[in-house]
PDB file of all heavy atoms in Angstrom:
ATOM      1  N   ALA A   1      -2.015  11.326  16.299  1.00  0.00           N
ATOM      2  CA  ALA A   1      -1.377  12.609  15.903  1.00  0.00           C
ATOM      3  C   ALA A   1      -1.715  12.774  14.395  1.00  0.00           C
ATOM      4  O   ALA A   1      -2.238  11.905  13.791  1.00  0.00           O
ATOM      5  CB  ALA A   1       0.144  12.564  16.037  1.00  0.00           C
ATOM      6  N   VAL A   2      -1.410  13.991  13.947  1.00  0.00           N
ATOM      7  CA  VAL A   2      -1.451  14.207  12.492  1.00  0.00           C
ATOM      8  C   VAL A   2      -0.054  13.858  11.990  1.00  0.00           C
ATOM      9  O   VAL A   2       0.975  14.349  12.488  1.00  0.00           O
ATOM     10  CB  VAL A   2      -1.781  15.684  12.138  1.00  0.00           C
ATOM     11  CG1 VAL A   2      -1.681  15.898  10.615  1.00  0.00           C
ATOM     12  CG2 VAL A   2      -3.165  16.046  12.656  1.00  0.00           C
ATOM     13  N   TYR A   3       0.021  13.045  10.999  1.00  0.00           N
ATOM     14  CA  TYR A   3       1.306  12.587  10.459  1.00  0.00           C
ATOM     15  C   TYR A   3       1.560  13.295   9.134  1.00  0.00           C
ATOM     16  O   TYR A   3       0.698  13.318   8.218  1.00  0.00           O
ATOM     17  CB  TYR A   3       1.262  11.046  10.217  1.00  0.00           C
ATOM     18  CG  TYR A   3       1.408  10.194  11.476  1.00  0.00           C
ATOM     19  CD1 TYR A   3       0.431  10.287  12.430  1.00  0.00           C
ATOM     20  CD2 TYR A   3       2.569   9.536  11.756  1.00  0.00           C
ATOM     21  CE1 TYR A   3       0.592   9.621  13.595  1.00  0.00           C
ATOM     22  CE2 TYR A   3       2.710   8.811  12.942  1.00  0.00           C
ATOM     23  CZ  TYR A   3       1.683   8.841  13.864  1.00  0.00           C
ATOM     24  OH  TYR A   3       1.824   8.171  15.046  1.00  0.00           O
ATOM     25  N   TYR A   4       2.756  13.890   9.004  1.00  0.00           N
ATOM     26  CA  TYR A   4       3.126  14.700   7.886  1.00  0.00           C
ATOM     27  C   TYR A   4       4.233  14.002   7.120  1.00  0.00           C
ATOM     28  O   TYR A   4       5.281  13.628   7.715  1.00  0.00           O
ATOM     29  CB  TYR A   4       3.616  16.051   8.395  1.00  0.00           C
ATOM     30  CG  TYR A   4       2.551  16.954   8.981  1.00  0.00           C
ATOM     31  CD1 TYR A   4       2.333  16.878  10.342  1.00  0.00           C
ATOM     32  CD2 TYR A   4       1.741  17.759   8.168  1.00  0.00           C
ATOM     33  CE1 TYR A   4       1.374  17.749  10.986  1.00  0.00           C
ATOM     34  CE2 TYR A   4       0.762  18.556   8.729  1.00  0.00           C
ATOM     35  CZ  TYR A   4       0.550  18.533  10.148  1.00  0.00           C
ATOM     36  OH  TYR A   4      -0.405  19.300  10.687  1.00  0.00           O
ATOM     37  N   CYS A   5       4.095  13.945   5.872  1.00  0.00           N
ATOM     38  CA  CYS A   5       5.168  13.495   4.994  1.00  0.00           C
ATOM     39  C   CYS A   5       6.143  14.682   4.720  1.00  0.00           C
ATOM     40  O   CYS A   5       5.680  15.811   4.585  1.00  0.00           O
ATOM     41  CB  CYS A   5       4.578  13.010   3.648  1.00  0.00           C
ATOM     42  SG  CYS A   5       5.774  12.446   2.475  1.00  0.00           S
ATOM     43  N   THR A   6       7.419  14.413   4.603  1.00  0.00           N
ATOM     44  CA  THR A   6       8.367  15.419   4.288  1.00  0.00           C
ATOM     45  C   THR A   6       9.334  14.962   3.288  1.00  0.00           C
ATOM     46  O   THR A   6       9.677  13.814   3.162  1.00  0.00           O
ATOM     47  CB  THR A   6       9.086  15.918   5.592  1.00  0.00           C
ATOM     48  OG1 THR A   6       9.975  17.030   5.313  1.00  0.00           O
ATOM     49  CG2 THR A   6       9.939  14.769   6.188  1.00  0.00           C
ATOM     50  N   ALA A   7       9.844  15.951   2.481  1.00  0.00           N
ATOM     51  CA  ALA A   7      10.843  15.629   1.533  1.00  0.00           C
ATOM     52  C   ALA A   7      11.895  16.749   1.562  1.00  0.00           C
ATOM     53  O   ALA A   7      11.466  17.979   1.662  1.00  0.00           O
ATOM     54  CB  ALA A   7      10.323  15.483   0.083  1.00  0.00           C
ATOM     55  N   VAL A   8      13.123  16.440   1.506  1.00  0.00           N
ATOM     56  CA  VAL A   8      14.206  17.513   1.618  1.00  0.00           C
ATOM     57  C   VAL A   8      14.941  17.595   0.326  1.00  0.00           C
ATOM     58  O   VAL A   8      15.389  16.656  -0.220  1.00  0.00           O
ATOM     59  CB  VAL A   8      15.164  17.151   2.763  1.00  0.00           C
ATOM     60  CG1 VAL A   8      16.294  18.192   2.822  1.00  0.00           C
ATOM     61  CG2 VAL A   8      14.445  17.079   4.084  1.00  0.00           C
ATOM     62  N   THR A   9      14.995  18.890  -0.187  1.00  0.00           N
ATOM     63  CA  THR A   9      15.797  19.186  -1.416  1.00  0.00           C
ATOM     64  C   THR A   9      16.693  20.334  -1.092  1.00  0.00           C
ATOM     65  O   THR A   9      16.285  21.374  -0.682  1.00  0.00           O
ATOM     66  CB  THR A   9      14.888  19.548  -2.539  1.00  0.00           C
ATOM     67  OG1 THR A   9      14.125  20.779  -2.240  1.00  0.00           O
ATOM     68  CG2 THR A   9      13.822  18.470  -2.822  1.00  0.00           C
ATOM     69  N   TYR A  10      17.992  20.093  -1.349  1.00  0.00           N
ATOM     70  CA  TYR A  10      19.057  21.136  -1.101  1.00  0.00           C
ATOM     71  C   TYR A  10      18.780  21.809   0.245  1.00  0.00           C
ATOM     72  O   TYR A  10      18.875  23.065   0.323  1.00  0.00           O
ATOM     73  CB  TYR A  10      18.948  22.162  -2.270  1.00  0.00           C
ATOM     74  CG  TYR A  10      19.082  21.598  -3.628  1.00  0.00           C
ATOM     75  CD1 TYR A  10      18.110  21.638  -4.514  1.00  0.00           C
ATOM     76  CD2 TYR A  10      20.272  20.932  -4.002  1.00  0.00           C
ATOM     77  CE1 TYR A  10      18.188  21.089  -5.790  1.00  0.00           C
ATOM     78  CE2 TYR A  10      20.392  20.355  -5.200  1.00  0.00           C
ATOM     79  CZ  TYR A  10      19.381  20.428  -6.163  1.00  0.00           C
ATOM     80  OH  TYR A  10      19.483  19.894  -7.401  1.00  0.00           O
ATOM     81  N   GLY A  11      18.519  21.031   1.268  1.00  0.00           N
ATOM     82  CA  GLY A  11      18.384  21.570   2.556  1.00  0.00           C
ATOM     83  C   GLY A  11      17.088  22.182   2.903  1.00  0.00           C
ATOM     84  O   GLY A  11      16.854  22.608   4.039  1.00  0.00           O
ATOM     85  N   TYR A  12      16.166  22.213   2.006  1.00  0.00           N
ATOM     86  CA  TYR A  12      14.829  22.776   2.259  1.00  0.00           C
ATOM     87  C   TYR A  12      13.822  21.655   2.424  1.00  0.00           C
ATOM     88  O   TYR A  12      13.847  20.667   1.681  1.00  0.00           O
ATOM     89  CB  TYR A  12      14.415  23.667   1.078  1.00  0.00           C
ATOM     90  CG  TYR A  12      13.102  24.386   1.284  1.00  0.00           C
ATOM     91  CD1 TYR A  12      12.993  25.525   2.041  1.00  0.00           C
ATOM     92  CD2 TYR A  12      11.862  23.771   0.838  1.00  0.00           C
ATOM     93  CE1 TYR A  12      11.838  26.214   2.205  1.00  0.00           C
ATOM     94  CE2 TYR A  12      10.640  24.444   1.063  1.00  0.00           C
ATOM     95  CZ  TYR A  12      10.654  25.597   1.744  1.00  0.00           C
ATOM     96  OH  TYR A  12       9.453  26.250   1.939  1.00  0.00           O
ATOM     97  N   SER A  13      12.963  21.800   3.442  1.00  0.00           N
ATOM     98  CA  SER A  13      11.943  20.744   3.732  1.00  0.00           C
ATOM     99  C   SER A  13      10.635  21.122   3.164  1.00  0.00           C
ATOM    100  O   SER A  13      10.116  22.212   3.477  1.00  0.00           O
ATOM    101  CB  SER A  13      11.860  20.558   5.282  1.00  0.00           C
ATOM    102  OG  SER A  13      13.049  20.136   5.787  1.00  0.00           O
ATOM    103  N   TRP A  14      10.059  20.230   2.404  1.00  0.00           N
ATOM    104  CA  TRP A  14       8.667  20.336   1.912  1.00  0.00           C
ATOM    105  C   TRP A  14       7.761  19.466   2.734  1.00  0.00           C
ATOM    106  O   TRP A  14       8.206  18.458   3.259  1.00  0.00           O
ATOM    107  CB  TRP A  14       8.658  19.906   0.416  1.00  0.00           C
ATOM    108  CG  TRP A  14       9.560  20.645  -0.462  1.00  0.00           C
ATOM    109  CD1 TRP A  14      10.820  20.322  -0.703  1.00  0.00           C
ATOM    110  CD2 TRP A  14       9.265  21.872  -1.162  1.00  0.00           C
ATOM    111  NE1 TRP A  14      11.388  21.247  -1.591  1.00  0.00           N
ATOM    112  CE2 TRP A  14      10.458  22.154  -1.867  1.00  0.00           C
ATOM    113  CE3 TRP A  14       8.187  22.722  -1.259  1.00  0.00           C
ATOM    114  CZ2 TRP A  14      10.542  23.365  -2.694  1.00  0.00           C
ATOM    115  CZ3 TRP A  14       8.213  23.819  -2.130  1.00  0.00           C
ATOM    116  CH2 TRP A  14       9.416  24.075  -2.783  1.00  0.00           C
ATOM    117  N   TRP A  15       6.535  19.863   2.852  1.00  0.00           N
ATOM    118  CA  TRP A  15       5.634  19.147   3.701  1.00  0.00           C
ATOM    119  C   TRP A  15       4.281  18.866   3.010  1.00  0.00           C
ATOM    120  O   TRP A  15       3.797  19.690   2.204  1.00  0.00           O
ATOM    121  CB  TRP A  15       5.262  19.984   5.010  1.00  0.00           C
ATOM    122  CG  TRP A  15       6.542  20.236   5.836  1.00  0.00           C
ATOM    123  CD1 TRP A  15       7.319  21.328   5.797  1.00  0.00           C
ATOM    124  CD2 TRP A  15       7.063  19.435   6.816  1.00  0.00           C
ATOM    125  NE1 TRP A  15       8.312  21.192   6.702  1.00  0.00           N
ATOM    126  CE2 TRP A  15       8.191  20.038   7.343  1.00  0.00           C
ATOM    127  CE3 TRP A  15       6.695  18.096   7.308  1.00  0.00           C
ATOM    128  CZ2 TRP A  15       8.964  19.421   8.297  1.00  0.00           C
ATOM    129  CZ3 TRP A  15       7.458  17.563   8.307  1.00  0.00           C
ATOM    130  CH2 TRP A  15       8.597  18.121   8.819  1.00  0.00           C
ATOM    131  N   GLY A  16       3.724  17.703   3.342  1.00  0.00           N
ATOM    132  CA  GLY A  16       2.372  17.404   2.916  1.00  0.00           C
ATOM    133  C   GLY A  16       1.356  18.073   3.848  1.00  0.00           C
ATOM    134  O   GLY A  16       1.753  18.676   4.845  1.00  0.00           O
ATOM    135  N   GLN A  17       0.127  17.902   3.538  1.00  0.00           N
ATOM    136  CA  GLN A  17      -0.951  18.501   4.316  1.00  0.00           C
ATOM    137  C   GLN A  17      -1.304  17.737   5.621  1.00  0.00           C
ATOM    138  O   GLN A  17      -1.944  18.289   6.514  1.00  0.00           O
ATOM    139  CB  GLN A  17      -2.234  18.646   3.492  1.00  0.00           C
ATOM    140  CG  GLN A  17      -2.126  19.661   2.363  1.00  0.00           C
ATOM    141  CD  GLN A  17      -3.450  20.010   1.735  1.00  0.00           C
ATOM    142  OE1 GLN A  17      -4.281  19.224   1.725  1.00  0.00           O
ATOM    143  NE2 GLN A  17      -3.522  21.271   1.227  1.00  0.00           N
ATOM    144  N   GLY A  18      -0.804  16.568   5.689  1.00  0.00           N
ATOM    145  CA  GLY A  18      -1.008  15.712   6.878  1.00  0.00           C
ATOM    146  C   GLY A  18      -2.139  14.768   6.807  1.00  0.00           C
ATOM    147  O   GLY A  18      -3.117  15.011   6.082  1.00  0.00           O
ATOM    148  N   THR A  19      -2.031  13.637   7.543  1.00  0.00           N
ATOM    149  CA  THR A  19      -3.109  12.714   7.638  1.00  0.00           C
ATOM    150  C   THR A  19      -3.287  12.323   9.113  1.00  0.00           C
ATOM    151  O   THR A  19      -2.279  12.039   9.785  1.00  0.00           O
ATOM    152  CB  THR A  19      -2.887  11.485   6.736  1.00  0.00           C
ATOM    153  OG1 THR A  19      -3.908  10.565   6.765  1.00  0.00           O
ATOM    154  CG2 THR A  19      -1.576  10.723   7.203  1.00  0.00           C
ATOM    155  N   GLN A  20      -4.581  12.300   9.550  1.00  0.00           N
ATOM    156  CA  GLN A  20      -4.840  12.011  10.941  1.00  0.00           C
ATOM    157  C   GLN A  20      -4.751  10.526  11.230  1.00  0.00           C
ATOM    158  O   GLN A  20      -5.369   9.731  10.529  1.00  0.00           O
ATOM    159  CB  GLN A  20      -6.227  12.534  11.282  1.00  0.00           C
ATOM    160  CG  GLN A  20      -6.691  12.277  12.707  1.00  0.00           C
ATOM    161  CD  GLN A  20      -5.901  13.070  13.737  1.00  0.00           C
ATOM    162  OE1 GLN A  20      -5.706  14.278  13.584  1.00  0.00           O
ATOM    163  NE2 GLN A  20      -5.423  12.410  14.813  1.00  0.00           N
ATOM    164  N   VAL A  21      -4.067  10.165  12.299  1.00  0.00           N
ATOM    165  CA  VAL A  21      -4.028   8.854  12.857  1.00  0.00           C
ATOM    166  C   VAL A  21      -4.588   8.926  14.268  1.00  0.00           C
ATOM    167  O   VAL A  21      -4.046   9.630  15.062  1.00  0.00           O
ATOM    168  CB  VAL A  21      -2.565   8.248  12.848  1.00  0.00           C
ATOM    169  CG1 VAL A  21      -2.566   6.949  13.580  1.00  0.00           C
ATOM    170  CG2 VAL A  21      -2.085   8.058  11.386  1.00  0.00           C
ATOM    171  N   THR A  22      -5.558   8.112  14.522  1.00  0.00           N
ATOM    172  CA  THR A  22      -6.185   8.079  15.867  1.00  0.00           C
ATOM    173  C   THR A  22      -6.172   6.631  16.344  1.00  0.00           C
ATOM    174  O   THR A  22      -6.701   5.749  15.618  1.00  0.00           O
ATOM    175  CB  THR A  22      -7.579   8.611  15.834  1.00  0.00           C
ATOM    176  OG1 THR A  22      -7.577   9.983  15.336  1.00  0.00           O
ATOM    177  CG2 THR A  22      -8.248   8.604  17.227  1.00  0.00           C
ATOM    178  N   VAL A  23      -5.617   6.458  17.549  1.00  0.00           N
ATOM    179  CA  VAL A  23      -5.521   5.116  18.097  1.00  0.00           C
ATOM    180  C   VAL A  23      -6.384   5.106  19.333  1.00  0.00           C
ATOM    181  O   VAL A  23      -6.100   5.847  20.305  1.00  0.00           O
ATOM    182  CB  VAL A  23      -4.069   4.642  18.412  1.00  0.00           C
ATOM    183  CG1 VAL A  23      -4.053   3.183  18.904  1.00  0.00           C
ATOM    184  CG2 VAL A  23      -3.200   4.838  17.207  1.00  0.00           C
ATOM    185  N   SER A  24      -7.424   4.253  19.380  1.00  0.00           N
ATOM    186  CA  SER A  24      -8.278   4.221  20.535  1.00  0.00           C
ATOM    187  C   SER A  24      -7.835   3.079  21.509  1.00  0.00           C
ATOM    188  O   SER A  24      -7.271   2.085  21.097  1.00  0.00           O
ATOM    189  CB  SER A  24      -9.731   3.894  20.083  1.00  0.00           C
ATOM    190  OG  SER A  24      -9.841   2.667  19.443  1.00  0.00           O
ATOM    191  N   SER A  25      -8.085   3.335  22.767  1.00  0.00           N
ATOM    192  CA  SER A  25      -7.651   2.424  23.781  1.00  0.00           C
ATOM    193  C   SER A  25      -8.705   1.347  24.055  1.00  0.00           C
ATOM    194  O   SER A  25      -9.805   1.487  23.598  1.00  0.00           O
ATOM    195  CB  SER A  25      -7.328   3.188  25.106  1.00  0.00           C
ATOM    196  OG  SER A  25      -8.435   3.907  25.486  1.00  0.00           O
TER     197      SER A  25
END
């Protein structure tokens, strides 16, 4: 998936741009 960092301030969620994680079988 794309993994997103989040931070919450006064009830508002901020988001990073995301980083791809790929797990092969």
